[in-house]
Amino acid sequence: MSPPAGVGWAPILVAAGASTLTALTGGLLTTIGPWYKSLRKPSWQPPDWLFGPAWTLIFVGIGSAAVLGWNHAHSGTQRGVIVGLFAVNAALNIAWSYFFFHRRRPDWALVEVVPLWLSILVLVIAVGNVSRLGGLLLLPYLAWVAFAAYLNRTIVRLNGAFA
């Protein structure tokens, strides 16, 4: 099996590896244990089992958008900018899990989710400028993080101060 015409294996493998590494790192930081279970959460929060499949689909979209952005970039400089934006986004994605679950600071995660969401918006625009489909593939990620930010805000409101 070979990649689609005009697409090399290297961008596909790098995007798949980076998406997988980001997802695994965030997943390892996400501990659904007694602390998390003791938090008051809104009745409308999705069931815990839904988060894994949702993030899997989102990361497939992120990796696909990265490949499309790479392949449709008009120059090496534009490719470098797109790669840099994905790298910043990956770091912010991991940081949210670190603050919320590892440090047990949903209040810090609520502050951190703002630059995370903005980084996704910038990716939608940057990738969308070179590949409409690539930009569209990032919209579920943008929507999910917006929803997660509202959920995060609600958890902070329901649980008061964190220490």
C-alpha atoms as a PDB file:
ATOM      1  CA  MET A   1       0.000   0.000   0.000  1.00  0.00           C
ATOM      2  CA  SER A   2       1.328   3.436  -0.854  1.00  0.00           C
ATOM      3  CA  PRO A   3       0.226   6.922   0.205  1.00  0.00           C
ATOM      4  CA  PRO A   4      -2.067   8.955  -2.076  1.00  0.00           C
ATOM      5  CA  ALA A   5      -0.463  10.518  -5.164  1.00  0.00           C
ATOM      6  CA  GLY A   6       1.743  13.480  -4.289  1.00  0.00           C
ATOM      7  CA  VAL A   7       1.974  12.532  -0.615  1.00  0.00           C
ATOM      8  CA  GLY A   8       5.122  11.046   0.874  1.00  0.00           C
ATOM      9  CA  TRP A   9       5.300   8.697   3.825  1.00  0.00           C
ATOM     10  CA  ALA A  10       7.488  11.007   5.932  1.00  0.00           C
ATOM     11  CA  PRO A  11       4.815  13.644   6.720  1.00  0.00           C
ATOM     12  CA  ILE A  12       2.261  10.925   7.430  1.00  0.00           C
ATOM     13  CA  LEU A  13       4.594   9.070   9.791  1.00  0.00           C
ATOM     14  CA  VAL A  14       5.718  12.257  11.567  1.00  0.00           C
ATOM     15  CA  ALA A  15       2.135  13.504  11.997  1.00  0.00           C
ATOM     16  CA  ALA A  16       0.936  10.098  13.205  1.00  0.00           C
ATOM     17  CA  GLY A  17       3.856   9.820  15.616  1.00  0.00           C
ATOM     18  CA  ALA A  18       3.445  13.344  16.969  1.00  0.00           C
ATOM     19  CA  SER A  19      -0.324  12.913  17.395  1.00  0.00           C
ATOM     20  CA  THR A  20       0.152   9.571  19.118  1.00  0.00           C
ATOM     21  CA  LEU A  21       2.876  10.912  21.416  1.00  0.00           C
ATOM     22  CA  THR A  22       0.753  13.921  22.374  1.00  0.00           C
ATOM     23  CA  ALA A  23      -2.304  11.745  23.006  1.00  0.00           C
ATOM     24  CA  LEU A  24      -0.322   9.195  25.047  1.00  0.00           C
ATOM     25  CA  THR A  25       1.373  11.867  27.145  1.00  0.00           C
ATOM     26  CA  GLY A  26      -1.917  13.586  27.871  1.00  0.00           C
ATOM     27  CA  GLY A  27      -3.511  10.220  28.587  1.00  0.00           C
ATOM     28  CA  LEU A  28      -0.784   9.229  31.029  1.00  0.00           C
ATOM     29  CA  LEU A  29      -1.350  12.490  32.902  1.00  0.00           C
ATOM     30  CA  THR A  30      -5.101  11.858  33.041  1.00  0.00           C
ATOM     31  CA  THR A  31      -5.859   9.804  36.120  1.00  0.00           C
ATOM     32  CA  ILE A  32      -9.513   9.084  36.793  1.00  0.00           C
ATOM     33  CA  GLY A  33      -9.076   8.181  40.424  1.00  0.00           C
ATOM     34  CA  PRO A  34     -10.649   9.043  43.779  1.00  0.00           C
ATOM     35  CA  TRP A  35      -9.749  12.740  43.552  1.00  0.00           C
ATOM     36  CA  TYR A  36     -11.436  13.183  40.184  1.00  0.00           C
ATOM     37  CA  LYS A  37     -14.417  11.023  41.139  1.00  0.00           C
ATOM     38  CA  SER A  38     -14.938  13.133  44.280  1.00  0.00           C
ATOM     39  CA  LEU A  39     -15.314  16.352  42.272  1.00  0.00           C
ATOM     40  CA  ARG A  40     -18.802  17.747  41.840  1.00  0.00           C
ATOM     41  CA  LYS A  41     -19.599  17.720  38.130  1.00  0.00           C
ATOM     42  CA  PRO A  42     -22.588  18.956  36.163  1.00  0.00           C
ATOM     43  CA  SER A  43     -25.321  16.509  35.198  1.00  0.00           C
ATOM     44  CA  TRP A  44     -24.665  17.248  31.519  1.00  0.00           C
ATOM     45  CA  GLN A  45     -21.041  16.049  31.606  1.00  0.00           C
ATOM     46  CA  PRO A  46     -20.546  13.236  29.079  1.00  0.00           C
ATOM     47  CA  PRO A  47     -19.778   9.803  30.530  1.00  0.00           C
ATOM     48  CA  ASP A  48     -16.093   9.131  31.172  1.00  0.00           C
ATOM     49  CA  TRP A  49     -15.967   6.358  28.538  1.00  0.00           C
ATOM     50  CA  LEU A  50     -16.800   8.880  25.784  1.00  0.00           C
ATOM     51  CA  PHE A  51     -13.620  10.940  26.222  1.00  0.00           C
ATOM     52  CA  GLY A  52     -11.257   8.262  24.844  1.00  0.00           C
ATOM     53  CA  PRO A  53     -13.112   7.713  21.548  1.00  0.00           C
ATOM     54  CA  ALA A  54     -13.725  11.452  21.144  1.00  0.00           C
ATOM     55  CA  TRP A  55     -10.042  12.276  21.600  1.00  0.00           C
ATOM     56  CA  THR A  56      -9.034   9.438  19.272  1.00  0.00           C
ATOM     57  CA  LEU A  57     -11.161  10.897  16.473  1.00  0.00           C
ATOM     58  CA  ILE A  58      -9.895  14.390  17.233  1.00  0.00           C
ATOM     59  CA  PHE A  59      -6.255  13.258  17.075  1.00  0.00           C
ATOM     60  CA  VAL A  60      -6.892  11.516  13.749  1.00  0.00           C
ATOM     61  CA  GLY A  61      -8.245  14.845  12.496  1.00  0.00           C
ATOM     62  CA  ILE A  62      -5.243  16.735  13.912  1.00  0.00           C
ATOM     63  CA  GLY A  63      -2.755  14.364  12.270  1.00  0.00           C
ATOM     64  CA  SER A  64      -4.623  14.487   8.956  1.00  0.00           C
ATOM     65  CA  ALA A  65      -4.756  18.286   9.065  1.00  0.00           C
ATOM     66  CA  ALA A  66      -1.015  18.397   9.758  1.00  0.00           C
ATOM     67  CA  VAL A  67      -0.284  16.245   6.712  1.00  0.00           C
ATOM     68  CA  LEU A  68      -2.560  18.379   4.529  1.00  0.00           C
ATOM     69  CA  GLY A  69      -0.968  21.570   5.856  1.00  0.00           C
ATOM     70  CA  TRP A  70       2.517  20.209   5.162  1.00  0.00           C
ATOM     71  CA  ASN A  71       1.678  18.981   1.679  1.00  0.00           C
ATOM     72  CA  HIS A  72      -0.159  22.140   0.614  1.00  0.00           C
ATOM     73  CA  ALA A  73       2.226  24.702   2.134  1.00  0.00           C
ATOM     74  CA  HIS A  74       3.655  27.025  -0.496  1.00  0.00           C
ATOM     75  CA  SER A  75       7.177  27.200   0.920  1.00  0.00           C
ATOM     76  CA  GLY A  76       9.551  25.727   3.440  1.00  0.00           C
ATOM     77  CA  THR A  77       8.980  28.754   5.646  1.00  0.00           C
ATOM     78  CA  GLN A  78       5.226  28.193   5.612  1.00  0.00           C
ATOM     79  CA  ARG A  79       5.774  24.520   6.455  1.00  0.00           C
ATOM     80  CA  GLY A  80       7.998  25.537   9.357  1.00  0.00           C
ATOM     81  CA  VAL A  81       5.341  27.905  10.693  1.00  0.00           C
ATOM     82  CA  ILE A  82       2.675  25.189  10.472  1.00  0.00           C
ATOM     83  CA  VAL A  83       4.919  22.650  12.232  1.00  0.00           C
ATOM     84  CA  GLY A  84       5.720  25.222  14.916  1.00  0.00           C
ATOM     85  CA  LEU A  85       2.035  25.962  15.469  1.00  0.00           C
ATOM     86  CA  PHE A  86       1.281  22.252  15.847  1.00  0.00           C
ATOM     87  CA  ALA A  87       4.179  21.892  18.310  1.00  0.00           C
ATOM     88  CA  VAL A  88       2.941  24.796  20.457  1.00  0.00           C
ATOM     89  CA  ASN A  89      -0.561  23.356  20.368  1.00  0.00           C
ATOM     90  CA  ALA A  90       0.680  19.905  21.420  1.00  0.00           C
ATOM     91  CA  ALA A  91       2.519  21.425  24.395  1.00  0.00           C
ATOM     92  CA  LEU A  92      -0.595  23.370  25.431  1.00  0.00           C
ATOM     93  CA  ASN A  93      -2.755  20.265  25.018  1.00  0.00           C
ATOM     94  CA  ILE A  94      -0.474  18.280  27.325  1.00  0.00           C
ATOM     95  CA  ALA A  95      -0.245  21.183  29.786  1.00  0.00           C
ATOM     96  CA  TRP A  96      -4.011  21.193  30.278  1.00  0.00           C
ATOM     97  CA  SER A  97      -4.006  17.538  31.365  1.00  0.00           C
ATOM     98  CA  TYR A  98      -0.986  18.221  33.561  1.00  0.00           C
ATOM     99  CA  PHE A  99      -2.697  21.079  35.400  1.00  0.00           C
ATOM    100  CA  PHE A 100      -6.152  19.522  35.689  1.00  0.00           C
ATOM    101  CA  PHE A 101      -5.322  15.905  36.506  1.00  0.00           C
ATOM    102  CA  HIS A 102      -1.676  15.662  37.569  1.00  0.00           C
ATOM    103  CA  ARG A 103      -1.531  18.845  39.662  1.00  0.00           C
ATOM    104  CA  ARG A 104      -5.236  18.574  40.531  1.00  0.00           C
ATOM    105  CA  ARG A 105      -5.715  22.240  39.721  1.00  0.00           C
ATOM    106  CA  PRO A 106      -8.790  22.680  37.546  1.00  0.00           C
ATOM    107  CA  ASP A 107      -8.518  26.411  38.262  1.00  0.00           C
ATOM    108  CA  TRP A 108      -5.069  26.558  36.638  1.00  0.00           C
ATOM    109  CA  ALA A 109      -6.326  24.391  33.780  1.00  0.00           C
ATOM    110  CA  LEU A 110      -9.144  26.877  33.243  1.00  0.00           C
ATOM    111  CA  VAL A 111      -6.604  29.656  32.759  1.00  0.00           C
ATOM    112  CA  GLU A 112      -4.465  27.445  30.495  1.00  0.00           C
ATOM    113  CA  VAL A 113      -7.379  26.403  28.266  1.00  0.00           C
ATOM    114  CA  VAL A 114      -7.595  29.945  26.852  1.00  0.00           C
ATOM    115  CA  PRO A 115      -4.228  29.831  25.052  1.00  0.00           C
ATOM    116  CA  LEU A 116      -4.945  26.197  24.099  1.00  0.00           C
ATOM    117  CA  TRP A 117      -8.214  27.193  22.396  1.00  0.00           C
ATOM    118  CA  LEU A 118      -6.556  30.197  20.745  1.00  0.00           C
ATOM    119  CA  SER A 119      -3.761  27.961  19.430  1.00  0.00           C
ATOM    120  CA  ILE A 120      -6.377  25.727  17.802  1.00  0.00           C
ATOM    121  CA  LEU A 121      -8.073  28.749  16.234  1.00  0.00           C
ATOM    122  CA  VAL A 122      -4.717  29.887  14.827  1.00  0.00           C
ATOM    123  CA  LEU A 123      -4.166  26.359  13.457  1.00  0.00           C
ATOM    124  CA  VAL A 124      -7.605  26.369  11.804  1.00  0.00           C
ATOM    125  CA  ILE A 125      -6.731  29.637  10.075  1.00  0.00           C
ATOM    126  CA  ALA A 126      -3.114  28.780   9.191  1.00  0.00           C
ATOM    127  CA  VAL A 127      -3.874  25.292   7.884  1.00  0.00           C
ATOM    128  CA  GLY A 128      -7.130  26.449   6.319  1.00  0.00           C
ATOM    129  CA  ASN A 129      -5.219  29.049   4.313  1.00  0.00           C
ATOM    130  CA  VAL A 130      -3.307  26.290   2.525  1.00  0.00           C
ATOM    131  CA  SER A 131      -5.841  23.438   2.726  1.00  0.00           C
ATOM    132  CA  ARG A 132      -9.542  24.067   3.237  1.00  0.00           C
ATOM    133  CA  LEU A 133     -10.064  20.413   4.197  1.00  0.00           C
ATOM    134  CA  GLY A 134      -7.176  20.597   6.676  1.00  0.00           C
ATOM    135  CA  GLY A 135      -8.737  23.607   8.371  1.00  0.00           C
ATOM    136  CA  LEU A 136     -12.134  21.901   8.478  1.00  0.00           C
ATOM    137  CA  LEU A 137     -10.628  18.781  10.065  1.00  0.00           C
ATOM    138  CA  LEU A 138      -9.521  20.924  13.012  1.00  0.00           C
ATOM    139  CA  LEU A 139     -13.004  22.323  13.727  1.00  0.00           C
ATOM    140  CA  PRO A 140     -14.118  19.343  15.877  1.00  0.00           C
ATOM    141  CA  TYR A 141     -11.001  19.898  18.013  1.00  0.00           C
ATOM    142  CA  LEU A 142     -11.869  23.585  18.388  1.00  0.00           C
ATOM    143  CA  ALA A 143     -15.461  22.741  19.337  1.00  0.00           C
ATOM    144  CA  TRP A 144     -14.450  19.966  21.776  1.00  0.00           C
ATOM    145  CA  VAL A 145     -11.964  22.207  23.593  1.00  0.00           C
ATOM    146  CA  ALA A 146     -14.586  24.978  23.781  1.00  0.00           C
ATOM    147  CA  PHE A 147     -16.960  22.460  25.366  1.00  0.00           C
ATOM    148  CA  ALA A 148     -14.183  21.182  27.657  1.00  0.00           C
ATOM    149  CA  ALA A 149     -13.425  24.775  28.720  1.00  0.00           C
ATOM    150  CA  TYR A 150     -17.060  25.303  29.691  1.00  0.00           C
ATOM    151  CA  LEU A 151     -17.065  21.992  31.559  1.00  0.00           C
ATOM    152  CA  ASN A 152     -13.788  22.972  33.262  1.00  0.00           C
ATOM    153  CA  ARG A 153     -15.311  26.336  34.269  1.00  0.00           C
ATOM    154  CA  THR A 154     -18.384  24.600  35.661  1.00  0.00           C
ATOM    155  CA  ILE A 155     -16.264  22.151  37.689  1.00  0.00           C
ATOM    156  CA  VAL A 156     -14.273  25.047  39.150  1.00  0.00           C
ATOM    157  CA  ARG A 157     -17.509  26.883  40.002  1.00  0.00           C
ATOM    158  CA  LEU A 158     -19.085  23.791  41.595  1.00  0.00           C
ATOM    159  CA  ASN A 159     -16.022  22.872  43.670  1.00  0.00           C
ATOM    160  CA  GLY A 160     -14.761  26.216  44.956  1.00  0.00           C
ATOM    161  CA  ALA A 161     -11.113  26.924  45.652  1.00  0.00           C
ATOM    162  CA  PHE A 162      -8.404  24.376  44.897  1.00  0.00           C
ATOM    163  CA  ALA A 163      -5.147  24.113  46.821  1.00  0.00           C
END
